[in-house]
C-alpha atoms as a PDB file:
ATOM      1  CA  MET A   1      -0.072  -0.280   0.361  1.00  0.00           C
ATOM      2  CA  LYS A   2       2.912   2.043   1.078  1.00  0.00           C
ATOM      3  CA  ARG A   3       4.664   1.638  -1.940  1.00  0.00           C
ATOM      4  CA  TYR A   4       1.360   2.622  -4.198  1.00  0.00           C
ATOM      5  CA  ILE A   5       0.914   5.599  -2.063  1.00  0.00           C
ATOM      6  CA  LEU A   6       4.118   6.509  -3.776  1.00  0.00           C
ATOM      7  CA  GLY A   7       3.986   5.484  -6.287  1.00  0.00           C
ATOM      8  CA  VAL A   8       0.579   7.818  -7.005  1.00  0.00           C
ATOM      9  CA  PHE A   9       2.282  11.032  -5.431  1.00  0.00           C
ATOM     10  CA  PHE A  10       5.337  11.144  -7.424  1.00  0.00           C
ATOM     11  CA  THR A  11       2.743  10.417 -10.292  1.00  0.00           C
ATOM     12  CA  THR A  12       1.205  13.337  -9.226  1.00  0.00           C
ATOM     13  CA  LEU A  13       4.268  15.143  -9.046  1.00  0.00           C
ATOM     14  CA  LEU A  14       5.622  14.501 -12.617  1.00  0.00           C
ATOM     15  CA  THR A  15       2.117  15.556 -14.043  1.00  0.00           C
ATOM     16  CA  VAL A  16       2.506  18.983 -11.778  1.00  0.00           C
ATOM     17  CA  ALA A  17       5.680  19.910 -12.996  1.00  0.00           C
ATOM     18  CA  HIS A  18       4.801  18.807 -16.808  1.00  0.00           C
ATOM     19  CA  ALA A  19       1.965  21.271 -16.678  1.00  0.00           C
ATOM     20  CA  GLN A  20       3.657  24.095 -15.225  1.00  0.00           C
ATOM     21  CA  THR A  21       6.816  23.346 -17.909  1.00  0.00           C
ATOM     22  CA  SER A  22       4.597  22.759 -21.042  1.00  0.00           C
ATOM     23  CA  ILE A  23       4.226  25.497 -23.778  1.00  0.00           C
ATOM     24  CA  ASP A  24       0.925  26.966 -25.133  1.00  0.00           C
ATOM     25  CA  SER A  25       1.575  27.137 -28.869  1.00  0.00           C
ATOM     26  CA  SER A  26      -0.842  29.864 -29.145  1.00  0.00           C
ATOM     27  CA  ARG A  27       0.965  32.733 -27.001  1.00  0.00           C
ATOM     28  CA  VAL A  28       4.170  31.335 -28.590  1.00  0.00           C
ATOM     29  CA  VAL A  29       6.307  34.434 -30.028  1.00  0.00           C
ATOM     30  CA  ARG A  30       8.441  34.375 -32.726  1.00  0.00           C
ATOM     31  CA  VAL A  31      10.760  37.508 -32.584  1.00  0.00           C
ATOM     32  CA  LEU A  32      14.135  38.338 -35.111  1.00  0.00           C
ATOM     33  CA  SER A  33      15.632  41.457 -35.436  1.00  0.00           C
ATOM     34  CA  TYR A  34      18.030  42.427 -38.171  1.00  0.00           C
ATOM     35  CA  ASN A  35      19.844  45.518 -38.961  1.00  0.00           C
ATOM     36  CA  ILE A  36      19.472  44.905 -43.101  1.00  0.00           C
ATOM     37  CA  TYR A  37      22.362  47.751 -44.365  1.00  0.00           C
ATOM     38  CA  HIS A  38      19.885  49.057 -46.451  1.00  0.00           C
ATOM     39  CA  GLY A  39      19.849  45.558 -48.490  1.00  0.00           C
ATOM     40  CA  GLU A  40      22.913  45.591 -49.700  1.00  0.00           C
ATOM     41  CA  THR A  41      24.100  42.196 -49.224  1.00  0.00           C
ATOM     42  CA  VAL A  42      27.600  43.441 -49.325  1.00  0.00           C
ATOM     43  CA  GLY A  43      29.372  39.909 -48.549  1.00  0.00           C
ATOM     44  CA  ALA A  44      27.496  37.869 -50.730  1.00  0.00           C
ATOM     45  CA  SER A  45      27.496  37.096 -55.266  1.00  0.00           C
ATOM     46  CA  LYS A  46      25.438  40.809 -56.012  1.00  0.00           C
ATOM     47  CA  PRO A  47      24.270  43.658 -54.859  1.00  0.00           C
ATOM     48  CA  PHE A  48      20.701  44.349 -53.522  1.00  0.00           C
ATOM     49  CA  ASP A  49      19.808  40.637 -53.328  1.00  0.00           C
ATOM     50  CA  LEU A  50      16.507  41.088 -51.507  1.00  0.00           C
ATOM     51  CA  ASP A  51      15.850  36.997 -52.192  1.00  0.00           C
ATOM     52  CA  LEU A  52      18.921  35.990 -50.133  1.00  0.00           C
ATOM     53  CA  LEU A  53      17.844  38.652 -47.179  1.00  0.00           C
ATOM     54  CA  ALA A  54      14.257  37.945 -48.143  1.00  0.00           C
ATOM     55  CA  LYS A  55      15.508  33.704 -46.773  1.00  0.00           C
ATOM     56  CA  ILE A  56      17.389  34.641 -43.990  1.00  0.00           C
ATOM     57  CA  ILE A  57      14.321  36.262 -42.714  1.00  0.00           C
ATOM     58  CA  SER A  58      11.911  33.414 -43.670  1.00  0.00           C
ATOM     59  CA  ASP A  59      14.242  30.503 -42.861  1.00  0.00           C
ATOM     60  CA  THR A  60      13.906  31.835 -39.169  1.00  0.00           C
ATOM     61  CA  LYS A  61      10.077  31.001 -39.525  1.00  0.00           C
ATOM     62  CA  PRO A  62       9.449  34.529 -37.549  1.00  0.00           C
ATOM     63  CA  ASP A  63       6.309  35.595 -36.418  1.00  0.00           C
ATOM     64  CA  LEU A  64       7.676  39.337 -36.373  1.00  0.00           C
ATOM     65  CA  VAL A  65      10.731  41.274 -37.371  1.00  0.00           C
ATOM     66  CA  ALA A  66      12.580  44.459 -36.081  1.00  0.00           C
ATOM     67  CA  LEU A  67      14.218  45.963 -39.395  1.00  0.00           C
ATOM     68  CA  GLN A  68      16.956  48.544 -39.167  1.00  0.00           C
ATOM     69  CA  GLU A  69      18.137  51.097 -41.375  1.00  0.00           C
ATOM     70  CA  VAL A  70      15.834  50.687 -44.339  1.00  0.00           C
ATOM     71  CA  ASP A  71      15.328  53.130 -47.237  1.00  0.00           C
ATOM     72  CA  PHE A  72      12.282  53.780 -48.684  1.00  0.00           C
ATOM     73  CA  LYS A  73      13.123  54.622 -53.122  1.00  0.00           C
ATOM     74  CA  THR A  74      16.842  56.640 -52.061  1.00  0.00           C
ATOM     75  CA  ASN A  75      18.808  56.717 -55.162  1.00  0.00           C
ATOM     76  CA  ARG A  76      20.952  54.047 -53.536  1.00  0.00           C
ATOM     77  CA  VAL A  77      18.812  51.254 -53.446  1.00  0.00           C
ATOM     78  CA  LEU A  78      17.345  51.980 -56.757  1.00  0.00           C
ATOM     79  CA  LYS A  79      14.066  53.463 -55.626  1.00  0.00           C
ATOM     80  CA  MET A  80      13.036  50.595 -53.995  1.00  0.00           C
ATOM     81  CA  ASP A  81       9.934  50.241 -50.787  1.00  0.00           C
ATOM     82  CA  LEU A  82      13.176  47.410 -48.922  1.00  0.00           C
ATOM     83  CA  VAL A  83      10.517  46.706 -46.128  1.00  0.00           C
ATOM     84  CA  THR A  84       7.308  46.485 -48.595  1.00  0.00           C
ATOM     85  CA  GLU A  85       9.535  43.888 -50.919  1.00  0.00           C
ATOM     86  CA  LEU A  86      10.711  42.324 -48.380  1.00  0.00           C
ATOM     87  CA  GLY A  87       7.046  41.689 -47.109  1.00  0.00           C
ATOM     88  CA  LEU A  88       5.786  40.156 -50.047  1.00  0.00           C
ATOM     89  CA  ARG A  89       9.269  37.528 -50.583  1.00  0.00           C
ATOM     90  CA  THR A  90       8.209  36.376 -46.750  1.00  0.00           C
ATOM     91  CA  LYS A  91       5.082  36.758 -47.141  1.00  0.00           C
ATOM     92  CA  MET A  92       4.618  38.733 -44.151  1.00  0.00           C
ATOM     93  CA  GLN A  93       2.882  42.855 -44.041  1.00  0.00           C
ATOM     94  CA  ALA A  94       5.363  45.436 -43.620  1.00  0.00           C
ATOM     95  CA  VAL A  95       4.970  49.087 -42.491  1.00  0.00           C
ATOM     96  CA  PHE A  96       8.151  51.496 -42.548  1.00  0.00           C
ATOM     97  CA  GLY A  97       8.770  54.474 -40.379  1.00  0.00           C
ATOM     98  CA  LYS A  98      10.873  57.415 -41.272  1.00  0.00           C
ATOM     99  CA  ALA A  99      13.512  58.575 -39.094  1.00  0.00           C
ATOM    100  CA  MET A 100      14.667  61.077 -41.985  1.00  0.00           C
ATOM    101  CA  ALA A 101      14.816  62.291 -45.930  1.00  0.00           C
ATOM    102  CA  PHE A 102      18.475  60.971 -47.780  1.00  0.00           C
ATOM    103  CA  ASP A 103      19.496  60.650 -50.570  1.00  0.00           C
ATOM    104  CA  GLY A 104      15.907  61.333 -52.753  1.00  0.00           C
ATOM    105  CA  GLY A 105      13.792  59.460 -50.279  1.00  0.00           C
ATOM    106  CA  GLU A 106      13.347  58.409 -46.989  1.00  0.00           C
ATOM    107  CA  TYR A 107      15.304  55.960 -43.831  1.00  0.00           C
ATOM    108  CA  GLY A 108      14.358  54.268 -41.283  1.00  0.00           C
ATOM    109  CA  GLU A 109      13.070  51.131 -39.353  1.00  0.00           C
ATOM    110  CA  GLY A 110      10.702  48.426 -40.731  1.00  0.00           C
ATOM    111  CA  VAL A 111       8.711  45.818 -39.452  1.00  0.00           C
ATOM    112  CA  LEU A 112       7.677  42.905 -40.872  1.00  0.00           C
ATOM    113  CA  SER A 113       4.421  40.797 -38.866  1.00  0.00           C
ATOM    114  CA  LYS A 114       3.185  37.536 -39.922  1.00  0.00           C
ATOM    115  CA  ASN A 115      -0.690  38.755 -38.865  1.00  0.00           C
ATOM    116  CA  SER A 116      -2.031  42.303 -39.370  1.00  0.00           C
ATOM    117  CA  PHE A 117      -1.488  45.238 -37.976  1.00  0.00           C
ATOM    118  CA  LEU A 118      -4.083  46.226 -35.293  1.00  0.00           C
ATOM    119  CA  SER A 119      -2.146  49.344 -34.844  1.00  0.00           C
ATOM    120  CA  THR A 120       0.758  51.282 -36.135  1.00  0.00           C
ATOM    121  CA  LYS A 121       2.594  54.300 -34.880  1.00  0.00           C
ATOM    122  CA  ASN A 122       5.959  56.083 -35.852  1.00  0.00           C
ATOM    123  CA  HIS A 123       7.639  57.962 -32.565  1.00  0.00           C
ATOM    124  CA  ALA A 124      10.425  60.628 -33.451  1.00  0.00           C
ATOM    125  CA  LEU A 125      13.112  60.217 -30.560  1.00  0.00           C
ATOM    126  CA  ALA A 126      15.448  62.967 -29.027  1.00  0.00           C
ATOM    127  CA  ALA A 127      18.314  63.775 -30.985  1.00  0.00           C
ATOM    128  CA  ARG A 128      20.508  66.471 -31.296  1.00  0.00           C
ATOM    129  CA  ALA A 129      20.859  69.052 -34.359  1.00  0.00           C
ATOM    130  CA  ASN A 130      24.099  67.513 -35.851  1.00  0.00           C
ATOM    131  CA  LYS A 131      22.985  64.201 -35.226  1.00  0.00           C
ATOM    132  CA  GLU A 132      20.808  61.764 -37.168  1.00  0.00           C
ATOM    133  CA  PRO A 133      17.348  61.798 -36.467  1.00  0.00           C
ATOM    134  CA  ARG A 134      16.500  58.270 -34.993  1.00  0.00           C
ATOM    135  CA  THR A 135      12.828  56.346 -33.892  1.00  0.00           C
ATOM    136  CA  ALA A 136      11.355  53.189 -32.436  1.00  0.00           C
ATOM    137  CA  LEU A 137       8.342  52.278 -35.055  1.00  0.00           C
ATOM    138  CA  GLU A 138       5.478  50.921 -32.375  1.00  0.00           C
ATOM    139  CA  VAL A 139       2.706  48.253 -34.331  1.00  0.00           C
ATOM    140  CA  ASN A 140       0.132  46.282 -32.268  1.00  0.00           C
ATOM    141  CA  VAL A 141      -1.241  43.125 -33.747  1.00  0.00           C
ATOM    142  CA  GLN A 142      -3.032  40.037 -32.427  1.00  0.00           C
ATOM    143  CA  ILE A 143      -1.362  36.481 -31.963  1.00  0.00           C
ATOM    144  CA  LYS A 144      -3.003  33.489 -32.512  1.00  0.00           C
ATOM    145  CA  SER A 145      -4.816  32.904 -28.786  1.00  0.00           C
ATOM    146  CA  GLY A 146      -6.611  36.345 -29.623  1.00  0.00           C
ATOM    147  CA  ASP A 147      -4.402  38.548 -26.682  1.00  0.00           C
ATOM    148  CA  SER A 148      -3.410  41.502 -28.218  1.00  0.00           C
ATOM    149  CA  ILE A 149       0.875  42.496 -27.634  1.00  0.00           C
ATOM    150  CA  ARG A 150       2.519  45.365 -28.573  1.00  0.00           C
ATOM    151  CA  PHE A 151       6.401  45.218 -31.041  1.00  0.00           C
ATOM    152  CA  VAL A 152       8.598  47.997 -30.859  1.00  0.00           C
ATOM    153  CA  GLY A 153      11.547  48.498 -33.390  1.00  0.00           C
ATOM    154  CA  THR A 154      13.885  51.076 -33.058  1.00  0.00           C
ATOM    155  CA  HIS A 155      17.774  51.574 -34.037  1.00  0.00           C
ATOM    156  CA  LEU A 156      19.124  54.342 -31.279  1.00  0.00           C
ATOM    157  CA  ASP A 157      22.546  56.428 -32.346  1.00  0.00           C
ATOM    158  CA  HIS A 158      25.498  55.155 -33.167  1.00  0.00           C
ATOM    159  CA  THR A 159      28.159  57.948 -32.643  1.00  0.00           C
ATOM    160  CA  LYS A 160      30.963  57.643 -29.909  1.00  0.00           C
ATOM    161  CA  ASP A 161      29.138  60.058 -27.650  1.00  0.00           C
ATOM    162  CA  GLU A 162      26.346  58.325 -25.533  1.00  0.00           C
ATOM    163  CA  THR A 163      24.756  61.085 -24.937  1.00  0.00           C
ATOM    164  CA  ASP A 164      21.611  60.798 -27.188  1.00  0.00           C
ATOM    165  CA  ARG A 165      21.423  57.110 -27.159  1.00  0.00           C
ATOM    166  CA  ILE A 166      21.444  58.375 -23.144  1.00  0.00           C
ATOM    167  CA  ASN A 167      18.279  60.326 -23.617  1.00  0.00           C
ATOM    168  CA  GLN A 168      17.151  57.833 -26.720  1.00  0.00           C
ATOM    169  CA  ALA A 169      16.852  55.149 -24.069  1.00  0.00           C
ATOM    170  CA  ASN A 170      15.179  56.940 -21.121  1.00  0.00           C
ATOM    171  CA  GLN A 171      12.611  57.536 -23.592  1.00  0.00           C
ATOM    172  CA  ILE A 172      12.054  54.624 -24.774  1.00  0.00           C
ATOM    173  CA  ASN A 173      11.440  54.186 -21.228  1.00  0.00           C
ATOM    174  CA  ALA A 174       8.554  56.917 -20.859  1.00  0.00           C
ATOM    175  CA  ILE A 175       7.218  55.585 -23.986  1.00  0.00           C
ATOM    176  CA  PHE A 176       6.610  52.352 -22.714  1.00  0.00           C
ATOM    177  CA  ALA A 177       6.539  51.503 -19.712  1.00  0.00           C
ATOM    178  CA  ASN A 178       3.908  52.948 -18.377  1.00  0.00           C
ATOM    179  CA  ASN A 179       1.080  50.772 -18.935  1.00  0.00           C
ATOM    180  CA  ASP A 180       1.310  46.846 -18.628  1.00  0.00           C
ATOM    181  CA  LEU A 181       0.459  45.900 -22.208  1.00  0.00           C
ATOM    182  CA  PRO A 182       3.128  42.342 -23.068  1.00  0.00           C
ATOM    183  CA  THR A 183       5.696  44.435 -24.726  1.00  0.00           C
ATOM    184  CA  ILE A 184       8.346  43.395 -27.283  1.00  0.00           C
ATOM    185  CA  LEU A 185      11.718  45.979 -27.865  1.00  0.00           C
ATOM    186  CA  ALA A 186      14.020  44.847 -30.615  1.00  0.00           C
ATOM    187  CA  GLY A 187      16.629  46.610 -32.218  1.00  0.00           C
ATOM    188  CA  ASP A 188      20.283  47.767 -32.614  1.00  0.00           C
ATOM    189  CA  LEU A 189      20.736  49.560 -29.690  1.00  0.00           C
ATOM    190  CA  ASN A 190      24.436  50.882 -30.938  1.00  0.00           C
ATOM    191  CA  ALA A 191      25.861  50.033 -27.279  1.00  0.00           C
ATOM    192  CA  THR A 192      26.801  46.756 -25.216  1.00  0.00           C
ATOM    193  CA  PRO A 193      25.799  45.670 -22.057  1.00  0.00           C
ATOM    194  CA  GLU A 194      27.674  47.691 -19.598  1.00  0.00           C
ATOM    195  CA  THR A 195      27.205  51.383 -21.233  1.00  0.00           C
ATOM    196  CA  GLU A 196      24.483  53.622 -19.408  1.00  0.00           C
ATOM    197  CA  THR A 197      22.252  53.005 -22.335  1.00  0.00           C
ATOM    198  CA  ILE A 198      21.252  49.656 -21.922  1.00  0.00           C
ATOM    199  CA  GLN A 199      21.439  49.566 -17.995  1.00  0.00           C
ATOM    200  CA  ILE A 200      18.731  52.036 -17.756  1.00  0.00           C
ATOM    201  CA  LEU A 201      16.557  50.253 -20.466  1.00  0.00           C
ATOM    202  CA  TYR A 202      17.093  47.492 -18.067  1.00  0.00           C
ATOM    203  CA  LYS A 203      15.639  48.736 -15.390  1.00  0.00           C
ATOM    204  CA  GLU A 204      12.415  48.263 -17.050  1.00  0.00           C
ATOM    205  CA  TRP A 205      12.514  45.808 -19.763  1.00  0.00           C
ATOM    206  CA  THR A 206      14.152  41.971 -19.581  1.00  0.00           C
ATOM    207  CA  PRO A 207      16.854  41.157 -21.874  1.00  0.00           C
ATOM    208  CA  SER A 208      16.154  37.735 -23.603  1.00  0.00           C
ATOM    209  CA  PHE A 209      19.234  36.097 -24.104  1.00  0.00           C
ATOM    210  CA  LEU A 210      20.538  35.370 -20.765  1.00  0.00           C
ATOM    211  CA  ASN A 211      24.376  35.805 -22.606  1.00  0.00           C
ATOM    212  CA  ASN A 212      26.161  38.648 -24.388  1.00  0.00           C
ATOM    213  CA  THR A 213      27.098  36.034 -27.696  1.00  0.00           C
ATOM    214  CA  PRO A 214      28.437  38.881 -30.236  1.00  0.00           C
ATOM    215  CA  THR A 215      26.373  40.051 -32.967  1.00  0.00           C
ATOM    216  CA  TYR A 216      28.739  42.515 -34.892  1.00  0.00           C
ATOM    217  CA  PRO A 217      30.830  42.792 -37.054  1.00  0.00           C
ATOM    218  CA  ALA A 218      28.544  40.036 -39.199  1.00  0.00           C
ATOM    219  CA  VAL A 219      32.170  38.511 -39.633  1.00  0.00           C
ATOM    220  CA  ASN A 220      34.003  37.313 -36.810  1.00  0.00           C
ATOM    221  CA  PRO A 221      31.310  38.938 -34.721  1.00  0.00           C
ATOM    222  CA  LYS A 222      33.416  40.822 -31.216  1.00  0.00           C
ATOM    223  CA  ILE A 223      30.302  42.514 -29.589  1.00  0.00           C
ATOM    224  CA  LYS A 224      26.774  42.282 -28.884  1.00  0.00           C
ATOM    225  CA  ILE A 225      24.878  45.380 -29.653  1.00  0.00           C
ATOM    226  CA  ASP A 226      21.578  44.179 -30.933  1.00  0.00           C
ATOM    227  CA  TYR A 227      19.210  42.807 -28.363  1.00  0.00           C
ATOM    228  CA  ILE A 228      15.010  41.921 -28.563  1.00  0.00           C
ATOM    229  CA  LEU A 229      14.165  42.506 -24.027  1.00  0.00           C
ATOM    230  CA  TYR A 230      10.542  42.615 -23.052  1.00  0.00           C
ATOM    231  CA  ARG A 231       7.948  43.951 -20.375  1.00  0.00           C
ATOM    232  CA  PRO A 232       6.687  42.936 -18.014  1.00  0.00           C
ATOM    233  CA  ALA A 233       8.845  40.038 -17.132  1.00  0.00           C
ATOM    234  CA  ASN A 234       5.726  38.410 -15.402  1.00  0.00           C
ATOM    235  CA  ARG A 235       4.254  38.148 -18.588  1.00  0.00           C
ATOM    236  CA  TRP A 236       7.154  36.742 -21.394  1.00  0.00           C
ATOM    237  CA  ARG A 237       8.746  33.201 -21.031  1.00  0.00           C
ATOM    238  CA  VAL A 238      12.138  32.827 -22.710  1.00  0.00           C
ATOM    239  CA  ILE A 239      12.241  29.597 -25.008  1.00  0.00           C
ATOM    240  CA  GLU A 240      14.926  29.670 -27.318  1.00  0.00           C
ATOM    241  CA  THR A 241      17.183  32.639 -28.013  1.00  0.00           C
ATOM    242  CA  LYS A 242      19.587  32.573 -30.703  1.00  0.00           C
ATOM    243  CA  VAL A 243      22.331  34.546 -32.683  1.00  0.00           C
ATOM    244  CA  ILE A 244      21.965  33.049 -36.930  1.00  0.00           C
ATOM    245  CA  GLU A 245      25.338  33.079 -38.031  1.00  0.00           C
ATOM    246  CA  GLU A 246      25.326  34.700 -40.666  1.00  0.00           C
ATOM    247  CA  GLU A 247      27.201  36.616 -42.884  1.00  0.00           C
ATOM    248  CA  LYS A 248      27.278  37.647 -46.359  1.00  0.00           C
ATOM    249  CA  ALA A 249      23.806  39.956 -46.114  1.00  0.00           C
ATOM    250  CA  SER A 250      24.078  42.653 -43.972  1.00  0.00           C
ATOM    251  CA  ASP A 251      27.560  43.662 -41.311  1.00  0.00           C
ATOM    252  CA  HIS A 252      25.215  42.628 -38.623  1.00  0.00           C
ATOM    253  CA  ARG A 253      24.084  39.462 -38.087  1.00  0.00           C
ATOM    254  CA  PRO A 254      20.225  38.811 -36.949  1.00  0.00           C
ATOM    255  CA  VAL A 255      19.458  38.085 -33.902  1.00  0.00           C
ATOM    256  CA  LEU A 256      15.936  35.845 -32.792  1.00  0.00           C
ATOM    257  CA  SER A 257      14.302  34.871 -29.478  1.00  0.00           C
ATOM    258  CA  VAL A 258      10.767  32.557 -29.027  1.00  0.00           C
ATOM    259  CA  LEU A 259       9.229  34.325 -26.286  1.00  0.00           C
ATOM    260  CA  GLU A 260       5.940  32.759 -24.629  1.00  0.00           C
ATOM    261  CA  LEU A 261       3.043  35.108 -23.586  1.00  0.00           C
ATOM    262  CA  ILE A 262       2.338  33.979 -20.351  1.00  0.00           C
ATOM    263  CA  ASP A 263      -0.702  35.258 -17.324  1.00  0.00           C
ATOM    264  CA  GLY A 264       1.074  37.418 -14.948  1.00  0.00           C
END
């Protein structure tokens, strides 16, 4: 009898443990962040190989993609609308967020989504007069479970002086950390983990990567400057993270996080 009771007890423990770690696939979100170097595909056999970029993106099977260094009908990209072209090739919804006028067109952020956008908004970020304008491109989408989440793609200032990046990080916190809507922030933050910029963001956001695997440059990467963060911390569970070993299409490596939305 004692052996039977112990058997039932341990079986129950195993069942409970399994229930606590089981994954609800309808609430899983695959997120990719990729600085695409205005689509130039510098290491590939031909320039502006958007089919190559689209394949890299599609191979990760993402639900949401944050793209940085996106050109819209500039002369250097032969007047192509990069995010729309990539959306068509990946069969994803596409939206562009202008940061500045550039080279006969525009330059900024892009977001791709497997699901339709419920809303989109492009937030101008703080930049001094002599610096490149930056933005945070916000989209709201409904995932398979019916839950609504917010996704933000951004690209912070790239100069050596950290002043603008610090201001931009504080502004991102002020815009997006004022409520508990489940949110993912992804992008090229041009800052390594120990910097003040990243530490400011970590006050409100949780990094999906537990290690600091380098993401830049694409060939023999030395530093981590590409991130996927989330908030609130109690609404997300990290299932998988990966820096994609791709060095031909851009000067950055793409980063992937698989997150599950959970009840807080």
